[in-house]
Amino acid sequence: MMVDTQVRPSDVTKFPIIEAMLSVPREDYVPAALREAAYIGESIDLGAGRVVLEPRTLAKILDALAIEPTHVALDLACGLGYSTAVLAKMCEFVVAVECDADLAVQAQATLTAHGIDNAAVMQGDLVAGAAKSGPYDIITIQGAVETVPDALLDQLREGGRIACIFAEGALGVVRIGYKIDSVVNWRFSFNAGAPVLKGFEKVAAFSL
């Protein structure tokens, strides 16, 4: 029902995305107290300003990224691992980074329990990414940003793509960054919102 009422009506019809979202039990990747709300059409609160992105937003991000089966992806702020599990159904391998140690442990345990062996969850600083395992064809960030550090963009392979929800006032926009000639060029994709992740805020400019 989630796929039929939230994903397909959002013009996401690519088979790999539909198949991935049909095959991953979203209720296993949200807090136990919110299992019954796992399939509602909004983001699920993980606490501390963190969320599991609403199905429509995640599906449209995956659609815009044009993911191929041979791609290696970096999934930042993976939370309890839902986005990582969906990506793992579509990619060759997924490296997930989660700054909260408890969430990281739970995410890896759930992925392992579901037999997803082409994904690994690392606990670490989100803005640092996972350079040693890169470069990546695809980078996703499971939350909003105001700015993206160059050190993270450096982990994107030439020709690779990164999706970010840029916070703009009360709303936000999803932009896809395309790395061409070592420069990331951003293009508007669609409107969406999420809490800004710690470390991805703009530094306030000093003025007299």
C-alpha atoms as a PDB file:
ATOM      1  CA  MET A   1       0.000   0.000   0.000  1.00  0.00           C
ATOM      2  CA  MET A   2       2.885   2.384   0.750  1.00  0.00           C
ATOM      3  CA  VAL A   3       4.296   1.838  -2.719  1.00  0.00           C
ATOM      4  CA  ASP A   4       0.893   2.099  -4.414  1.00  0.00           C
ATOM      5  CA  THR A   5      -0.312   5.203  -2.562  1.00  0.00           C
ATOM      6  CA  GLN A   6       2.908   7.156  -1.932  1.00  0.00           C
ATOM      7  CA  VAL A   7       5.646   6.052  -4.315  1.00  0.00           C
ATOM      8  CA  ARG A   8       3.976   5.344  -7.660  1.00  0.00           C
ATOM      9  CA  PRO A   9       1.719   8.461  -7.483  1.00  0.00           C
ATOM     10  CA  SER A  10       4.934  10.511  -7.113  1.00  0.00           C
ATOM     11  CA  ASP A  11       5.936   9.420 -10.640  1.00  0.00           C
ATOM     12  CA  VAL A  12       8.471   6.885  -9.355  1.00  0.00           C
ATOM     13  CA  THR A  13       7.947   3.819 -11.506  1.00  0.00           C
ATOM     14  CA  LYS A  14      11.404   2.329 -12.100  1.00  0.00           C
ATOM     15  CA  PHE A  15      11.295  -1.368 -11.335  1.00  0.00           C
ATOM     16  CA  PRO A  16      14.488  -1.533  -9.195  1.00  0.00           C
ATOM     17  CA  ILE A  17      13.146   1.154  -6.834  1.00  0.00           C
ATOM     18  CA  ILE A  18       9.686  -0.377  -6.598  1.00  0.00           C
ATOM     19  CA  GLU A  19      11.144  -3.849  -6.038  1.00  0.00           C
ATOM     20  CA  ALA A  20      13.564  -2.602  -3.371  1.00  0.00           C
ATOM     21  CA  MET A  21      10.887  -0.742  -1.442  1.00  0.00           C
ATOM     22  CA  LEU A  22       8.508  -3.697  -1.676  1.00  0.00           C
ATOM     23  CA  SER A  23      11.138  -6.104  -0.369  1.00  0.00           C
ATOM     24  CA  VAL A  24      12.487  -4.129   2.627  1.00  0.00           C
ATOM     25  CA  PRO A  25      10.256  -4.305   5.748  1.00  0.00           C
ATOM     26  CA  ARG A  26      10.280  -0.649   6.826  1.00  0.00           C
ATOM     27  CA  GLU A  27       8.805  -1.504  10.233  1.00  0.00           C
ATOM     28  CA  ASP A  28      12.027  -3.293  11.196  1.00  0.00           C
ATOM     29  CA  TYR A  29      14.057  -0.099  10.661  1.00  0.00           C
ATOM     30  CA  VAL A  30      12.096   2.293  12.888  1.00  0.00           C
ATOM     31  CA  PRO A  31      11.940   2.530  16.699  1.00  0.00           C
ATOM     32  CA  ALA A  32       9.917  -0.325  18.187  1.00  0.00           C
ATOM     33  CA  ALA A  33       7.299   2.046  19.594  1.00  0.00           C
ATOM     34  CA  LEU A  34       6.644   3.422  16.093  1.00  0.00           C
ATOM     35  CA  ARG A  35       6.378   0.153  14.159  1.00  0.00           C
ATOM     36  CA  GLU A  36       2.644   0.663  13.565  1.00  0.00           C
ATOM     37  CA  ALA A  37       3.377   4.067  12.024  1.00  0.00           C
ATOM     38  CA  ALA A  38       6.201   2.804   9.789  1.00  0.00           C
ATOM     39  CA  TYR A  39       4.267   3.161   6.536  1.00  0.00           C
ATOM     40  CA  ILE A  40       2.613   6.538   7.026  1.00  0.00           C
ATOM     41  CA  GLY A  41       3.385   9.204   4.467  1.00  0.00           C
ATOM     42  CA  GLU A  42       5.728  11.240   6.612  1.00  0.00           C
ATOM     43  CA  SER A  43       9.166  11.002   8.164  1.00  0.00           C
ATOM     44  CA  ILE A  44       9.609   8.880  11.308  1.00  0.00           C
ATOM     45  CA  ASP A  45      11.218  10.582  14.309  1.00  0.00           C
ATOM     46  CA  LEU A  46      14.405   8.945  15.609  1.00  0.00           C
ATOM     47  CA  GLY A  47      14.983  11.639  18.233  1.00  0.00           C
ATOM     48  CA  ALA A  48      17.730  14.263  18.487  1.00  0.00           C
ATOM     49  CA  GLY A  49      16.650  15.900  15.243  1.00  0.00           C
ATOM     50  CA  ARG A  50      16.991  12.710  13.223  1.00  0.00           C
ATOM     51  CA  VAL A  51      14.386  11.036  11.031  1.00  0.00           C
ATOM     52  CA  VAL A  52      13.738   8.159   8.681  1.00  0.00           C
ATOM     53  CA  LEU A  53      12.831  10.059   5.517  1.00  0.00           C
ATOM     54  CA  GLU A  54       9.268   9.729   4.266  1.00  0.00           C
ATOM     55  CA  PRO A  55       8.905   7.046   1.558  1.00  0.00           C
ATOM     56  CA  ARG A  56       8.026   9.580  -1.179  1.00  0.00           C
ATOM     57  CA  THR A  57      11.151  11.641  -0.562  1.00  0.00           C
ATOM     58  CA  LEU A  58      13.506   8.652  -0.464  1.00  0.00           C
ATOM     59  CA  ALA A  59      11.939   7.127  -3.581  1.00  0.00           C
ATOM     60  CA  LYS A  60      12.213  10.351  -5.574  1.00  0.00           C
ATOM     61  CA  ILE A  61      15.847  10.792  -4.478  1.00  0.00           C
ATOM     62  CA  LEU A  62      16.665   7.266  -5.652  1.00  0.00           C
ATOM     63  CA  ASP A  63      14.862   7.937  -8.921  1.00  0.00           C
ATOM     64  CA  ALA A  64      16.782  11.165  -9.544  1.00  0.00           C
ATOM     65  CA  LEU A  65      20.133   9.492  -8.859  1.00  0.00           C
ATOM     66  CA  ALA A  66      19.682   6.951 -11.680  1.00  0.00           C
ATOM     67  CA  ILE A  67      21.380   4.173  -9.696  1.00  0.00           C
ATOM     68  CA  GLU A  68      22.957   1.232 -11.515  1.00  0.00           C
ATOM     69  CA  PRO A  69      23.569  -2.296 -10.130  1.00  0.00           C
ATOM     70  CA  THR A  70      27.342  -1.795 -10.368  1.00  0.00           C
ATOM     71  CA  HIS A  71      27.350   1.366  -8.263  1.00  0.00           C
ATOM     72  CA  VAL A  72      29.001   1.720  -4.863  1.00  0.00           C
ATOM     73  CA  ALA A  73      27.065   4.084  -2.592  1.00  0.00           C
ATOM     74  CA  LEU A  74      27.800   6.097   0.531  1.00  0.00           C
ATOM     75  CA  ASP A  75      24.738   6.525   2.762  1.00  0.00           C
ATOM     76  CA  LEU A  76      25.256   9.201   5.420  1.00  0.00           C
ATOM     77  CA  ALA A  77      23.141   9.451   8.595  1.00  0.00           C
ATOM     78  CA  CYS A  78      21.629   6.048   7.940  1.00  0.00           C
ATOM     79  CA  GLY A  79      19.830   5.929  11.310  1.00  0.00           C
ATOM     80  CA  LEU A  80      18.464   2.441  11.859  1.00  0.00           C
ATOM     81  CA  GLY A  81      19.435   1.397   8.338  1.00  0.00           C
ATOM     82  CA  TYR A  82      16.280   1.619   6.219  1.00  0.00           C
ATOM     83  CA  SER A  83      17.827   3.712   3.451  1.00  0.00           C
ATOM     84  CA  THR A  84      20.907   1.487   3.483  1.00  0.00           C
ATOM     85  CA  ALA A  85      18.773  -1.627   3.069  1.00  0.00           C
ATOM     86  CA  VAL A  86      16.887  -0.130   0.121  1.00  0.00           C
ATOM     87  CA  LEU A  87      20.115   1.058  -1.511  1.00  0.00           C
ATOM     88  CA  ALA A  88      21.683  -2.374  -0.997  1.00  0.00           C
ATOM     89  CA  LYS A  89      18.907  -3.895  -3.111  1.00  0.00           C
ATOM     90  CA  MET A  90      19.902  -1.592  -5.957  1.00  0.00           C
ATOM     91  CA  CYS A  91      23.697  -1.228  -5.671  1.00  0.00           C
ATOM     92  CA  GLU A  92      26.733  -3.480  -5.685  1.00  0.00           C
ATOM     93  CA  PHE A  93      27.763  -2.270  -2.224  1.00  0.00           C
ATOM     94  CA  VAL A  94      26.733   0.377   0.311  1.00  0.00           C
ATOM     95  CA  VAL A  95      28.919   2.001   2.946  1.00  0.00           C
ATOM     96  CA  ALA A  96      26.716   3.594   5.605  1.00  0.00           C
ATOM     97  CA  VAL A  97      27.933   6.111   8.187  1.00  0.00           C
ATOM     98  CA  GLU A  98      26.059   6.838  11.410  1.00  0.00           C
ATOM     99  CA  CYS A  99      27.322   9.184  14.120  1.00  0.00           C
ATOM    100  CA  ASP A 100      25.151   7.682  16.889  1.00  0.00           C
ATOM    101  CA  ALA A 101      26.845   4.518  18.139  1.00  0.00           C
ATOM    102  CA  ASP A 102      23.617   2.874  19.336  1.00  0.00           C
ATOM    103  CA  LEU A 103      21.858   3.498  16.019  1.00  0.00           C
ATOM    104  CA  ALA A 104      24.875   2.183  14.110  1.00  0.00           C
ATOM    105  CA  VAL A 105      24.936  -1.061  16.092  1.00  0.00           C
ATOM    106  CA  GLN A 106      21.199  -1.592  15.660  1.00  0.00           C
ATOM    107  CA  ALA A 107      21.359  -0.809  11.952  1.00  0.00           C
ATOM    108  CA  GLN A 108      24.133  -3.329  11.303  1.00  0.00           C
ATOM    109  CA  ALA A 109      22.353  -5.973  13.380  1.00  0.00           C
ATOM    110  CA  THR A 110      19.110  -5.552  11.434  1.00  0.00           C
ATOM    111  CA  LEU A 111      20.855  -5.608   8.066  1.00  0.00           C
ATOM    112  CA  THR A 112      22.697  -8.780   9.071  1.00  0.00           C
ATOM    113  CA  ALA A 113      19.488 -10.390  10.340  1.00  0.00           C
ATOM    114  CA  HIS A 114      17.884  -9.717   6.954  1.00  0.00           C
ATOM    115  CA  GLY A 115      20.785 -11.294   5.104  1.00  0.00           C
ATOM    116  CA  ILE A 116      21.953  -8.046   3.530  1.00  0.00           C
ATOM    117  CA  ASP A 117      25.666  -8.767   3.136  1.00  0.00           C
ATOM    118  CA  ASN A 118      26.534  -6.036   0.608  1.00  0.00           C
ATOM    119  CA  ALA A 119      26.273  -3.197   3.126  1.00  0.00           C
ATOM    120  CA  ALA A 120      28.410  -2.169   6.099  1.00  0.00           C
ATOM    121  CA  VAL A 121      27.589   0.389   8.772  1.00  0.00           C
ATOM    122  CA  MET A 122      30.399   2.488  10.235  1.00  0.00           C
ATOM    123  CA  GLN A 123      30.123   4.693  13.311  1.00  0.00           C
ATOM    124  CA  GLY A 124      31.746   8.053  12.722  1.00  0.00           C
ATOM    125  CA  ASP A 125      31.508  11.738  11.932  1.00  0.00           C
ATOM    126  CA  LEU A 126      28.961  12.330   9.182  1.00  0.00           C
ATOM    127  CA  VAL A 127      30.767  15.256   7.577  1.00  0.00           C
ATOM    128  CA  ALA A 128      33.916  13.139   7.295  1.00  0.00           C
ATOM    129  CA  GLY A 129      32.160  10.447   5.267  1.00  0.00           C
ATOM    130  CA  ALA A 130      34.218   7.298   4.685  1.00  0.00           C
ATOM    131  CA  ALA A 131      37.085   8.309   2.421  1.00  0.00           C
ATOM    132  CA  LYS A 132      39.039   5.060   2.824  1.00  0.00           C
ATOM    133  CA  SER A 133      36.221   3.069   1.208  1.00  0.00           C
ATOM    134  CA  GLY A 134      35.647   5.565  -1.624  1.00  0.00           C
ATOM    135  CA  PRO A 135      35.388   6.983  -4.131  1.00  0.00           C
ATOM    136  CA  TYR A 136      31.637   6.491  -4.558  1.00  0.00           C
ATOM    137  CA  ASP A 137      29.320   6.507  -7.545  1.00  0.00           C
ATOM    138  CA  ILE A 138      26.426   7.659  -5.375  1.00  0.00           C
ATOM    139  CA  ILE A 139      26.195   9.641  -2.127  1.00  0.00           C
ATOM    140  CA  THR A 140      22.955  10.093  -0.185  1.00  0.00           C
ATOM    141  CA  ILE A 141      22.381  12.091   2.996  1.00  0.00           C
ATOM    142  CA  GLN A 142      19.411  11.115   5.164  1.00  0.00           C
ATOM    143  CA  GLY A 143      18.606  14.570   6.444  1.00  0.00           C
ATOM    144  CA  ALA A 144      18.807  18.177   5.370  1.00  0.00           C
ATOM    145  CA  VAL A 145      21.943  20.267   4.889  1.00  0.00           C
ATOM    146  CA  GLU A 146      22.742  23.938   4.608  1.00  0.00           C
ATOM    147  CA  THR A 147      26.197  23.286   3.197  1.00  0.00           C
ATOM    148  CA  VAL A 148      28.213  20.278   2.026  1.00  0.00           C
ATOM    149  CA  PRO A 149      31.917  20.108   2.953  1.00  0.00           C
ATOM    150  CA  ASP A 150      34.405  19.855   0.097  1.00  0.00           C
ATOM    151  CA  ALA A 151      35.998  16.873   1.876  1.00  0.00           C
ATOM    152  CA  LEU A 152      32.766  14.978   1.334  1.00  0.00           C
ATOM    153  CA  LEU A 153      32.392  16.007  -2.299  1.00  0.00           C
ATOM    154  CA  ASP A 154      35.959  14.822  -2.849  1.00  0.00           C
ATOM    155  CA  GLN A 155      34.750  11.279  -2.107  1.00  0.00           C
ATOM    156  CA  LEU A 156      32.452  11.341  -5.136  1.00  0.00           C
ATOM    157  CA  ARG A 157      33.823   9.572  -8.197  1.00  0.00           C
ATOM    158  CA  GLU A 158      34.155  11.498 -11.445  1.00  0.00           C
ATOM    159  CA  GLY A 159      30.768  11.163 -13.130  1.00  0.00           C
ATOM    160  CA  GLY A 160      29.162  10.316  -9.784  1.00  0.00           C
ATOM    161  CA  ARG A 161      26.071  11.870  -8.222  1.00  0.00           C
ATOM    162  CA  ILE A 162      25.112  13.158  -4.780  1.00  0.00           C
ATOM    163  CA  ALA A 163      21.609  13.951  -3.510  1.00  0.00           C
ATOM    164  CA  CYS A 164      21.009  16.536  -0.791  1.00  0.00           C
ATOM    165  CA  ILE A 165      17.958  18.128   0.790  1.00  0.00           C
ATOM    166  CA  PHE A 166      18.995  21.761   1.086  1.00  0.00           C
ATOM    167  CA  ALA A 167      17.161  23.579   3.884  1.00  0.00           C
ATOM    168  CA  GLU A 168      15.815  26.909   2.701  1.00  0.00           C
ATOM    169  CA  GLY A 169      13.753  28.631   5.369  1.00  0.00           C
ATOM    170  CA  ALA A 170      10.805  26.512   6.499  1.00  0.00           C
ATOM    171  CA  LEU A 171      10.994  24.375   3.372  1.00  0.00           C
ATOM    172  CA  GLY A 172      13.708  22.607   1.453  1.00  0.00           C
ATOM    173  CA  VAL A 173      14.707  21.516  -2.018  1.00  0.00           C
ATOM    174  CA  VAL A 174      16.387  18.360  -3.215  1.00  0.00           C
ATOM    175  CA  ARG A 175      19.291  19.009  -5.545  1.00  0.00           C
ATOM    176  CA  ILE A 176      21.367  16.427  -7.370  1.00  0.00           C
ATOM    177  CA  GLY A 177      25.067  17.184  -7.696  1.00  0.00           C
ATOM    178  CA  TYR A 178      26.872  15.856 -10.771  1.00  0.00           C
ATOM    179  CA  LYS A 179      30.660  15.623 -10.631  1.00  0.00           C
ATOM    180  CA  ILE A 180      32.062  16.719 -13.977  1.00  0.00           C
ATOM    181  CA  ASP A 181      35.731  17.613 -14.463  1.00  0.00           C
ATOM    182  CA  SER A 182      36.243  17.413 -10.693  1.00  0.00           C
ATOM    183  CA  VAL A 183      33.533  20.025 -10.020  1.00  0.00           C
ATOM    184  CA  VAL A 184      30.099  19.269  -8.551  1.00  0.00           C
ATOM    185  CA  ASN A 185      27.283  21.044 -10.408  1.00  0.00           C
ATOM    186  CA  TRP A 186      23.918  21.179  -8.618  1.00  0.00           C
ATOM    187  CA  ARG A 187      20.539  20.855 -10.322  1.00  0.00           C
ATOM    188  CA  PHE A 188      17.084  21.245  -8.776  1.00  0.00           C
ATOM    189  CA  SER A 189      15.080  18.027  -8.515  1.00  0.00           C
ATOM    190  CA  PHE A 190      12.013  18.502  -6.271  1.00  0.00           C
ATOM    191  CA  ASN A 191      10.799  20.028  -3.005  1.00  0.00           C
ATOM    192  CA  ALA A 192      11.187  18.180   0.293  1.00  0.00           C
ATOM    193  CA  GLY A 193      12.035  18.872   3.911  1.00  0.00           C
ATOM    194  CA  ALA A 194      13.917  17.307   6.828  1.00  0.00           C
ATOM    195  CA  PRO A 195      15.803  18.474   9.944  1.00  0.00           C
ATOM    196  CA  VAL A 196      19.264  19.882   9.293  1.00  0.00           C
ATOM    197  CA  LEU A 197      21.951  17.411  10.330  1.00  0.00           C
ATOM    198  CA  LYS A 198      24.560  18.432  12.860  1.00  0.00           C
ATOM    199  CA  GLY A 199      27.754  19.451  11.116  1.00  0.00           C
ATOM    200  CA  PHE A 200      26.014  20.503   7.914  1.00  0.00           C
ATOM    201  CA  GLU A 201      24.918  23.935   9.127  1.00  0.00           C
ATOM    202  CA  LYS A 202      26.222  27.115   7.534  1.00  0.00           C
ATOM    203  CA  VAL A 203      28.639  29.086   9.659  1.00  0.00           C
ATOM    204  CA  ALA A 204      27.050  32.449  10.422  1.00  0.00           C
ATOM    205  CA  ALA A 205      28.953  35.291   8.780  1.00  0.00           C
ATOM    206  CA  PHE A 206      30.243  37.990  11.153  1.00  0.00           C
ATOM    207  CA  SER A 207      29.147  41.523  10.444  1.00  0.00           C
ATOM    208  CA  LEU A 208      29.332  44.843  12.252  1.00  0.00           C
END
